[in-house]
N, C-alpha and C. Protein backbone atom coordinates (compact mmCIF):
# COMPACT_ATOMS: atom_id res chain seq x y z
N MET A 1 70.21 142.71 133.59
CA MET A 1 71.01 142.92 134.81
C MET A 1 71.63 141.67 135.10
N GLN A 2 72.88 141.80 135.51
CA GLN A 2 73.68 140.59 135.81
C GLN A 2 74.27 140.72 137.27
N PRO A 3 74.54 139.55 138.02
CA PRO A 3 75.03 139.62 139.37
C PRO A 3 76.51 140.10 139.31
N ARG A 4 76.74 140.64 140.44
CA ARG A 4 78.21 140.94 140.84
C ARG A 4 78.99 139.57 140.97
N LEU A 5 80.08 139.37 140.43
CA LEU A 5 80.82 137.99 140.57
C LEU A 5 81.92 138.19 141.62
N LEU A 6 81.72 137.49 142.63
CA LEU A 6 82.68 137.55 143.90
C LEU A 6 83.43 136.29 144.19
N TYR A 7 84.51 136.39 144.76
CA TYR A 7 85.08 135.14 145.38
C TYR A 7 85.87 135.43 146.73
N ALA A 8 85.84 134.40 147.44
CA ALA A 8 86.59 134.54 148.68
C ALA A 8 87.77 133.43 148.54
N TYR A 9 89.06 134.04 148.80
CA TYR A 9 90.32 133.10 148.45
C TYR A 9 90.67 132.56 149.78
N LEU A 10 90.82 131.30 149.85
CA LEU A 10 91.30 130.64 151.00
C LEU A 10 92.78 130.34 151.20
N ASN A 11 93.47 130.77 150.25
CA ASN A 11 95.09 130.46 150.28
C ASN A 11 95.33 129.04 150.57
N GLN A 12 94.73 128.23 149.90
CA GLN A 12 94.94 126.71 150.10
C GLN A 12 95.78 126.06 149.08
N ASP A 13 96.09 126.76 148.00
CA ASP A 13 96.90 126.14 146.98
C ASP A 13 97.73 127.29 146.30
N ASP A 14 98.39 127.04 145.27
CA ASP A 14 99.44 127.91 144.56
C ASP A 14 98.60 129.14 143.98
N PRO A 15 98.75 130.34 144.47
CA PRO A 15 97.99 131.50 144.01
C PRO A 15 98.21 131.77 142.52
N LYS A 16 99.36 131.23 141.93
CA LYS A 16 99.49 131.45 140.47
C LYS A 16 98.63 130.56 139.74
N LYS A 17 98.02 129.55 140.30
CA LYS A 17 97.13 128.63 139.49
C LYS A 17 95.73 128.90 139.85
N SER A 18 95.34 129.96 140.66
CA SER A 18 94.02 130.16 141.00
C SER A 18 93.33 130.93 139.84
N THR A 19 92.15 130.28 139.36
CA THR A 19 91.47 130.83 138.19
C THR A 19 90.73 131.98 138.69
N MET A 20 90.33 132.06 139.84
CA MET A 20 89.54 133.29 140.33
C MET A 20 90.59 134.45 140.45
N ARG A 21 91.76 134.35 140.89
CA ARG A 21 92.72 135.42 140.83
C ARG A 21 93.11 135.96 139.49
N LYS A 22 93.01 135.07 138.55
CA LYS A 22 93.23 135.47 137.15
C LYS A 22 92.11 136.23 136.63
N LEU A 23 90.92 135.76 136.95
CA LEU A 23 89.74 136.54 136.56
C LEU A 23 89.66 137.94 137.09
N GLU A 24 90.11 138.06 138.40
CA GLU A 24 90.31 139.36 139.13
C GLU A 24 91.20 140.23 138.41
N ARG A 25 92.25 139.69 137.90
CA ARG A 25 93.28 140.53 137.17
C ARG A 25 92.62 141.07 135.88
N PHE A 26 91.62 140.48 135.27
CA PHE A 26 90.96 140.88 134.15
C PHE A 26 89.75 141.78 134.52
N GLY A 27 89.53 142.04 135.82
CA GLY A 27 88.32 142.87 136.24
C GLY A 27 87.13 142.18 136.07
N LEU A 28 86.97 140.70 136.00
CA LEU A 28 85.75 140.05 135.92
C LEU A 28 85.13 139.71 137.21
N VAL A 29 86.03 139.45 138.31
CA VAL A 29 85.47 139.18 139.66
C VAL A 29 86.08 140.06 140.57
N THR A 30 85.37 140.08 141.71
CA THR A 30 86.01 140.84 142.92
C THR A 30 86.18 139.92 144.10
N LYS A 31 87.43 140.17 144.69
CA LYS A 31 87.79 139.33 145.84
C LYS A 31 87.07 140.02 147.04
N VAL A 32 86.51 139.25 148.03
CA VAL A 32 85.90 139.67 149.16
C VAL A 32 86.24 138.85 150.42
N PRO A 33 86.22 139.33 151.67
CA PRO A 33 86.52 138.50 152.84
C PRO A 33 85.47 137.40 152.83
N LEU A 34 85.96 136.21 153.31
CA LEU A 34 85.07 135.06 153.57
C LEU A 34 83.91 135.39 154.30
N GLY A 35 83.83 136.34 155.36
CA GLY A 35 82.74 136.71 156.00
C GLY A 35 81.59 137.24 155.32
N ARG A 36 81.88 137.84 154.07
CA ARG A 36 80.84 138.48 153.26
C ARG A 36 80.09 137.32 152.48
N ALA A 37 80.60 136.09 152.46
CA ALA A 37 79.91 134.90 151.92
C ALA A 37 78.47 134.63 152.47
N ALA A 38 78.46 134.88 153.73
CA ALA A 38 77.16 134.68 154.47
C ALA A 38 76.00 135.46 153.94
N ARG A 39 76.36 136.54 153.30
CA ARG A 39 75.19 137.42 152.78
C ARG A 39 74.91 137.30 151.19
N THR A 40 75.63 136.34 150.49
CA THR A 40 75.50 136.24 149.06
C THR A 40 74.93 134.88 148.71
N LEU A 41 74.54 134.74 147.45
CA LEU A 41 74.31 133.41 146.87
C LEU A 41 75.65 132.76 146.76
N SER A 42 75.83 131.87 147.59
CA SER A 42 77.29 131.18 147.56
C SER A 42 77.19 129.73 147.08
N LEU A 43 78.12 129.44 146.17
CA LEU A 43 78.20 128.13 145.75
C LEU A 43 79.15 127.22 146.70
N THR A 44 78.62 126.13 147.18
CA THR A 44 79.24 125.19 148.02
C THR A 44 78.85 123.80 147.79
N PRO A 45 79.62 122.75 147.76
CA PRO A 45 79.30 121.32 147.61
C PRO A 45 78.40 120.99 148.86
N TYR A 46 78.42 121.63 149.88
CA TYR A 46 77.75 121.24 151.21
C TYR A 46 76.41 121.83 151.27
N ALA A 47 75.93 122.59 150.24
CA ALA A 47 74.48 122.96 150.35
C ALA A 47 73.62 121.92 150.29
N SER A 48 72.34 122.07 150.75
CA SER A 48 71.31 121.13 150.56
C SER A 48 70.42 121.41 149.50
N LEU A 49 70.47 122.65 148.87
CA LEU A 49 69.73 123.07 147.79
C LEU A 49 70.69 123.15 146.51
N TYR A 50 70.09 122.74 145.40
CA TYR A 50 70.75 122.89 143.99
C TYR A 50 70.45 124.35 143.53
N LEU A 51 71.46 124.82 142.80
CA LEU A 51 71.23 126.15 142.17
C LEU A 51 70.18 125.88 140.96
N LEU A 52 69.19 126.77 141.05
CA LEU A 52 68.12 126.82 139.95
C LEU A 52 68.19 128.09 139.13
N PRO A 53 67.47 128.13 137.99
CA PRO A 53 67.37 129.31 137.27
C PRO A 53 66.78 130.37 138.01
N SER A 54 65.86 130.09 138.96
CA SER A 54 65.17 131.13 139.71
C SER A 54 66.01 131.75 140.78
N ASP A 55 67.15 131.20 140.93
CA ASP A 55 68.12 131.86 141.96
C ASP A 55 68.76 133.20 141.25
N ARG A 56 68.48 133.41 140.09
CA ARG A 56 68.99 134.62 139.42
C ARG A 56 68.57 135.93 140.07
N GLU A 57 67.40 136.05 140.67
CA GLU A 57 66.95 137.13 141.53
C GLU A 57 67.77 137.40 142.66
N ILE A 58 68.15 136.31 143.52
CA ILE A 58 69.01 136.41 144.58
C ILE A 58 70.36 136.79 144.25
N ALA A 59 70.80 136.22 143.13
CA ALA A 59 72.18 136.51 142.72
C ALA A 59 72.30 138.12 142.24
N ILE A 60 71.32 138.55 141.66
CA ILE A 60 71.34 139.98 141.25
C ILE A 60 71.37 140.93 142.49
N LYS A 61 70.54 140.46 143.48
CA LYS A 61 70.44 141.21 144.75
C LYS A 61 71.67 141.23 145.51
N THR A 62 72.20 139.99 145.76
CA THR A 62 73.31 139.87 146.69
C THR A 62 74.79 139.56 146.09
N GLY A 63 74.81 139.16 144.85
CA GLY A 63 75.96 138.80 144.10
C GLY A 63 76.15 137.17 144.15
N LEU A 64 76.89 136.82 143.29
CA LEU A 64 77.25 135.25 143.16
C LEU A 64 78.58 135.13 143.67
N LEU A 65 78.85 134.36 144.69
CA LEU A 65 80.10 134.13 145.32
C LEU A 65 80.48 132.73 145.30
N LEU A 66 81.94 132.59 144.94
CA LEU A 66 82.50 131.27 144.97
C LEU A 66 83.62 131.30 145.90
N ILE A 67 83.77 130.22 146.65
CA ILE A 67 84.71 130.06 147.66
C ILE A 67 85.90 129.38 147.03
N ASP A 68 86.87 130.07 146.84
CA ASP A 68 88.15 129.55 146.08
C ASP A 68 89.23 128.88 146.92
N GLY A 69 89.14 127.54 146.97
CA GLY A 69 89.97 126.68 147.83
C GLY A 69 90.46 125.42 147.01
N SER A 70 91.08 124.68 147.72
CA SER A 70 91.61 123.34 147.15
C SER A 70 90.55 122.19 147.34
N TRP A 71 90.38 121.41 146.37
CA TRP A 71 89.53 120.16 146.44
C TRP A 71 90.17 119.26 147.58
N ASN A 72 91.48 119.29 147.80
CA ASN A 72 92.01 118.40 148.84
C ASN A 72 91.71 118.83 150.26
N ARG A 73 91.28 120.14 150.28
CA ARG A 73 90.89 120.69 151.79
C ARG A 73 89.51 121.14 151.78
N ILE A 74 88.66 120.60 150.95
CA ILE A 74 87.26 121.07 150.78
C ILE A 74 86.50 121.00 152.15
N THR A 75 86.86 120.13 152.97
CA THR A 75 86.12 119.95 154.22
C THR A 75 86.16 121.14 155.13
N SER A 76 87.18 122.10 154.87
CA SER A 76 87.43 123.35 155.62
C SER A 76 86.20 124.26 155.53
N ILE A 77 85.45 124.06 154.52
CA ILE A 77 84.30 125.10 154.36
C ILE A 77 82.97 124.36 154.73
N GLU A 78 83.01 123.20 155.10
CA GLU A 78 81.69 122.42 155.47
C GLU A 78 80.83 123.11 156.48
N GLY A 79 81.36 123.69 157.54
CA GLY A 79 80.61 124.29 158.52
C GLY A 79 80.22 125.76 158.34
N LEU A 80 80.60 126.43 157.23
CA LEU A 80 80.23 127.82 157.06
C LEU A 80 78.73 128.01 157.06
N ARG A 81 78.42 129.08 157.75
CA ARG A 81 76.97 129.38 157.89
C ARG A 81 76.56 130.40 156.74
N LEU A 82 75.78 130.06 155.75
CA LEU A 82 75.64 130.89 154.57
C LEU A 82 74.12 130.97 154.56
N ARG A 83 73.63 132.23 154.09
CA ARG A 83 72.31 132.54 153.90
C ARG A 83 71.63 131.83 152.69
N TYR A 84 72.38 131.96 151.62
CA TYR A 84 71.87 131.39 150.32
C TYR A 84 72.91 130.47 149.78
N PRO A 85 73.07 129.22 150.45
CA PRO A 85 74.08 128.28 149.96
C PRO A 85 73.39 127.42 148.79
N ARG A 86 74.12 127.17 147.72
CA ARG A 86 73.74 126.45 146.62
C ARG A 86 74.87 125.51 146.16
N LYS A 87 74.30 124.33 145.77
CA LYS A 87 75.32 123.43 145.07
C LYS A 87 74.93 123.28 143.52
N LEU A 88 76.06 122.92 142.86
CA LEU A 88 75.79 122.69 141.33
C LEU A 88 75.40 121.22 141.11
N PRO A 89 74.70 120.99 140.13
CA PRO A 89 74.51 119.55 139.69
C PRO A 89 75.82 119.16 139.07
N VAL A 90 75.93 117.93 138.81
CA VAL A 90 77.10 117.21 138.27
C VAL A 90 77.31 117.78 136.89
N LEU A 91 78.68 118.11 136.53
CA LEU A 91 79.08 118.48 135.24
C LEU A 91 80.48 117.74 135.16
N VAL A 92 81.05 117.92 133.91
CA VAL A 92 82.36 117.35 133.67
C VAL A 92 83.46 118.39 133.45
N PRO A 93 84.48 118.40 134.30
CA PRO A 93 85.45 119.41 134.13
C PRO A 93 86.49 119.08 132.92
N VAL A 94 86.90 120.27 132.38
CA VAL A 94 87.78 120.13 131.33
C VAL A 94 89.19 120.70 131.81
N ASN A 95 89.31 121.21 132.88
CA ASN A 95 90.50 121.82 133.33
C ASN A 95 91.67 120.70 133.39
N PRO A 96 92.89 121.01 133.29
CA PRO A 96 93.90 120.02 133.15
C PRO A 96 94.09 119.28 134.39
N VAL A 97 93.69 119.73 135.65
CA VAL A 97 94.00 119.05 136.86
C VAL A 97 93.01 117.97 137.09
N ASN A 98 91.71 118.17 136.82
CA ASN A 98 90.59 117.23 137.11
C ASN A 98 89.94 116.83 135.83
N PHE A 99 90.47 116.90 134.64
CA PHE A 99 89.87 116.66 133.37
C PHE A 99 89.12 115.30 133.50
N GLY A 100 87.74 115.35 133.20
CA GLY A 100 86.96 114.23 133.08
C GLY A 100 86.46 113.64 134.36
N LYS A 101 86.71 114.21 135.47
CA LYS A 101 86.35 113.76 136.75
C LYS A 101 85.01 114.39 137.10
N PRO A 102 83.90 113.74 136.90
CA PRO A 102 82.48 114.46 137.18
C PRO A 102 82.49 115.06 138.56
N GLY A 103 82.04 116.36 138.54
CA GLY A 103 81.89 117.11 139.73
C GLY A 103 83.08 117.97 140.33
N LYS A 104 84.34 117.58 139.84
CA LYS A 104 85.49 118.26 140.42
C LYS A 104 85.73 119.46 139.51
N LEU A 105 84.97 120.47 139.44
CA LEU A 105 85.17 121.52 138.64
C LEU A 105 86.19 122.53 139.25
N SER A 106 86.84 123.16 138.33
CA SER A 106 87.74 124.37 138.90
C SER A 106 86.74 125.49 139.26
N SER A 107 87.29 126.53 139.96
CA SER A 107 86.56 127.53 140.39
C SER A 107 85.83 128.35 139.22
N VAL A 108 86.57 128.45 138.06
CA VAL A 108 86.07 129.22 136.91
C VAL A 108 84.98 128.38 136.21
N GLU A 109 85.16 127.09 136.16
CA GLU A 109 84.09 126.19 135.61
C GLU A 109 82.84 126.24 136.52
N ALA A 110 82.94 126.25 137.78
CA ALA A 110 81.78 126.39 138.69
C ALA A 110 81.16 127.84 138.44
N MET A 111 81.87 128.81 138.35
CA MET A 111 81.25 130.18 138.16
C MET A 111 80.43 130.17 136.88
N ALA A 112 81.22 129.60 135.82
CA ALA A 112 80.55 129.63 134.55
C ALA A 112 79.40 128.78 134.50
N ALA A 113 79.23 127.64 135.17
CA ALA A 113 78.21 126.79 135.21
C ALA A 113 76.97 127.36 135.90
N ALA A 114 77.32 128.16 137.00
CA ALA A 114 76.24 128.80 137.79
C ALA A 114 75.63 129.94 136.80
N LEU A 115 76.58 130.62 136.15
CA LEU A 115 75.96 131.74 135.26
C LEU A 115 75.16 131.13 134.23
N TYR A 116 75.61 130.02 133.67
CA TYR A 116 74.84 129.48 132.48
C TYR A 116 73.42 128.95 132.92
N ILE A 117 73.44 128.30 133.99
CA ILE A 117 72.22 127.67 134.57
C ILE A 117 71.21 128.77 134.87
N MET A 118 71.67 129.89 135.28
CA MET A 118 70.87 131.06 135.60
C MET A 118 70.46 132.03 134.31
N GLY A 119 70.94 131.53 133.28
CA GLY A 119 70.57 132.17 132.06
C GLY A 119 71.61 133.22 131.45
N TYR A 120 72.78 133.22 132.01
CA TYR A 120 73.87 134.20 131.70
C TYR A 120 74.89 133.45 130.82
N MET A 121 74.46 133.01 129.54
CA MET A 121 75.30 132.22 128.82
C MET A 121 76.53 132.96 128.16
N GLU A 122 76.29 134.23 127.82
CA GLU A 122 77.47 135.08 127.29
C GLU A 122 78.41 135.33 128.39
N GLU A 123 78.03 135.73 129.64
CA GLU A 123 78.93 135.89 130.68
C GLU A 123 79.74 134.56 131.07
N ALA A 124 78.97 133.42 131.07
CA ALA A 124 79.62 132.13 131.26
C ALA A 124 80.84 132.07 130.30
N SER A 125 80.59 132.27 129.01
CA SER A 125 81.67 132.08 128.01
C SER A 125 82.73 133.17 128.13
N ALA A 126 82.42 134.31 128.65
CA ALA A 126 83.43 135.33 128.80
C ALA A 126 84.43 135.00 129.96
N VAL A 127 83.96 134.35 131.05
CA VAL A 127 84.89 134.00 132.04
C VAL A 127 85.79 132.78 131.65
N LEU A 128 85.10 131.86 130.90
CA LEU A 128 85.83 130.80 130.46
C LEU A 128 86.90 131.11 129.33
N ALA A 129 86.56 132.28 128.57
CA ALA A 129 87.58 132.63 127.48
C ALA A 129 88.83 132.92 127.91
N LYS A 130 89.20 133.11 129.19
CA LYS A 130 90.46 133.59 129.67
C LYS A 130 91.43 132.50 129.90
N PHE A 131 90.90 131.30 129.59
CA PHE A 131 91.70 130.04 129.75
C PHE A 131 91.69 129.29 128.40
N ASN A 132 92.98 128.89 128.03
CA ASN A 132 93.01 128.14 126.82
C ASN A 132 92.14 126.86 126.83
N TRP A 133 91.82 126.24 127.88
CA TRP A 133 91.06 125.00 127.95
C TRP A 133 89.51 125.47 128.18
N GLY A 134 89.28 126.56 128.63
CA GLY A 134 87.92 126.97 128.96
C GLY A 134 86.94 126.92 127.82
N GLU A 135 87.31 127.07 126.67
CA GLU A 135 86.37 127.08 125.60
C GLU A 135 85.72 125.67 125.37
N ASN A 136 86.33 124.80 125.93
CA ASN A 136 85.79 123.34 125.79
C ASN A 136 84.74 122.98 126.95
N PHE A 137 84.58 123.86 128.01
CA PHE A 137 83.77 123.44 129.03
C PHE A 137 82.30 123.42 128.73
N ILE A 138 81.74 124.47 128.11
CA ILE A 138 80.35 124.43 127.61
C ILE A 138 79.98 123.49 126.61
N PRO A 139 80.80 123.25 125.54
CA PRO A 139 80.49 122.22 124.50
C PRO A 139 80.56 120.85 125.08
N MET A 140 81.39 120.66 126.13
CA MET A 140 81.35 119.32 126.85
C MET A 140 80.19 118.97 127.62
N ASN A 141 79.69 120.11 128.10
CA ASN A 141 78.37 120.09 129.08
C ASN A 141 77.24 120.65 128.62
N THR A 142 77.07 120.86 127.33
CA THR A 142 75.98 121.64 126.77
C THR A 142 74.53 120.84 127.19
N GLN A 143 74.59 119.56 126.92
CA GLN A 143 73.31 118.84 127.11
C GLN A 143 72.88 118.97 128.62
N PRO A 144 73.82 118.70 129.59
CA PRO A 144 73.34 118.75 131.02
C PRO A 144 72.91 120.27 131.36
N LEU A 145 73.79 121.11 130.85
CA LEU A 145 73.54 122.52 131.27
C LEU A 145 72.12 123.01 130.77
N GLU A 146 71.76 122.56 129.63
CA GLU A 146 70.46 122.83 129.03
C GLU A 146 69.30 122.32 129.86
N GLU A 147 69.57 120.97 130.21
CA GLU A 147 68.56 120.34 131.12
C GLU A 147 68.45 120.97 132.41
N TYR A 148 69.57 121.36 133.00
CA TYR A 148 69.43 121.98 134.33
C TYR A 148 68.75 123.47 134.30
N MET A 149 68.90 124.05 133.12
CA MET A 149 68.36 125.23 132.98
C MET A 149 66.80 125.19 132.96
N LYS A 150 66.27 124.10 132.56
CA LYS A 150 64.81 123.81 132.52
C LYS A 150 64.26 123.50 133.88
N CYS A 151 65.07 123.03 134.74
CA CYS A 151 64.61 122.67 136.14
C CYS A 151 64.01 123.94 136.87
N ARG A 152 62.73 123.65 137.40
CA ARG A 152 62.01 124.75 138.14
C ARG A 152 61.88 124.29 139.63
N THR A 153 62.19 123.06 140.08
CA THR A 153 62.09 122.66 141.47
C THR A 153 63.42 121.82 141.83
N GLN A 154 63.58 121.80 143.13
CA GLN A 154 64.73 120.96 143.55
C GLN A 154 64.59 119.52 143.30
N GLU A 155 63.42 118.99 143.17
CA GLU A 155 63.24 117.61 142.79
C GLU A 155 63.56 117.16 141.38
N GLU A 156 63.49 118.27 140.46
CA GLU A 156 63.68 118.01 138.98
C GLU A 156 65.24 117.88 138.67
N VAL A 157 66.09 118.38 139.60
CA VAL A 157 67.57 118.51 139.40
C VAL A 157 68.09 117.05 139.42
N PRO A 158 67.88 116.24 140.37
CA PRO A 158 68.41 114.95 140.31
C PRO A 158 67.92 114.13 139.27
N VAL A 159 66.70 114.29 138.75
CA VAL A 159 66.12 113.64 137.69
C VAL A 159 66.95 113.99 136.26
N ALA A 160 67.21 115.23 136.30
CA ALA A 160 68.05 115.79 135.15
C ALA A 160 69.48 115.16 135.21
N GLU A 161 70.05 115.18 136.39
CA GLU A 161 71.35 114.57 136.55
C GLU A 161 71.52 113.18 136.09
N ALA A 162 70.38 112.39 136.40
CA ALA A 162 70.33 111.10 136.17
C ALA A 162 70.23 110.74 134.63
N LEU A 163 69.80 111.63 133.89
CA LEU A 163 69.93 111.56 132.35
C LEU A 163 71.31 111.36 131.79
N PHE A 164 72.35 111.98 132.49
CA PHE A 164 73.74 112.08 132.00
C PHE A 164 74.67 111.36 133.00
N PHE A 165 74.39 111.14 134.21
CA PHE A 165 75.43 110.73 135.09
C PHE A 165 74.92 109.54 135.91
């Protein structure tokens, strides 16, 4: 069983360049109001907890939500009250806008990373496959992703990050 893939769109950048809106057109994700984020496993860089493989159960129960906004306006989501907020460990983006800037993932890269860490490798590849640069994300990050998949506690994640970054 896999989680429902959800996103809340903040209208902060060009909608034609939104990776989540493209995935929605392919039927891979569902757009929901931002208020629904409070009840889901939500990816946010402001979370105090890292995403762990064990979060898979929460994701199946509540869905996996990504807040789709601009990195230039990221502080706009800082104060959101979320029941299950999680942050991703550091990975290297391959998208054309932030290529090679550790941690500045596109929305689809963040969704794929979360899926991969929770053990949904095929689903991660499927969302990335919709972008001509997407096929490079997992090969670029295979070693860190595999390490992050082994983490069982919050304390293990920074140790795994330090191996690569």
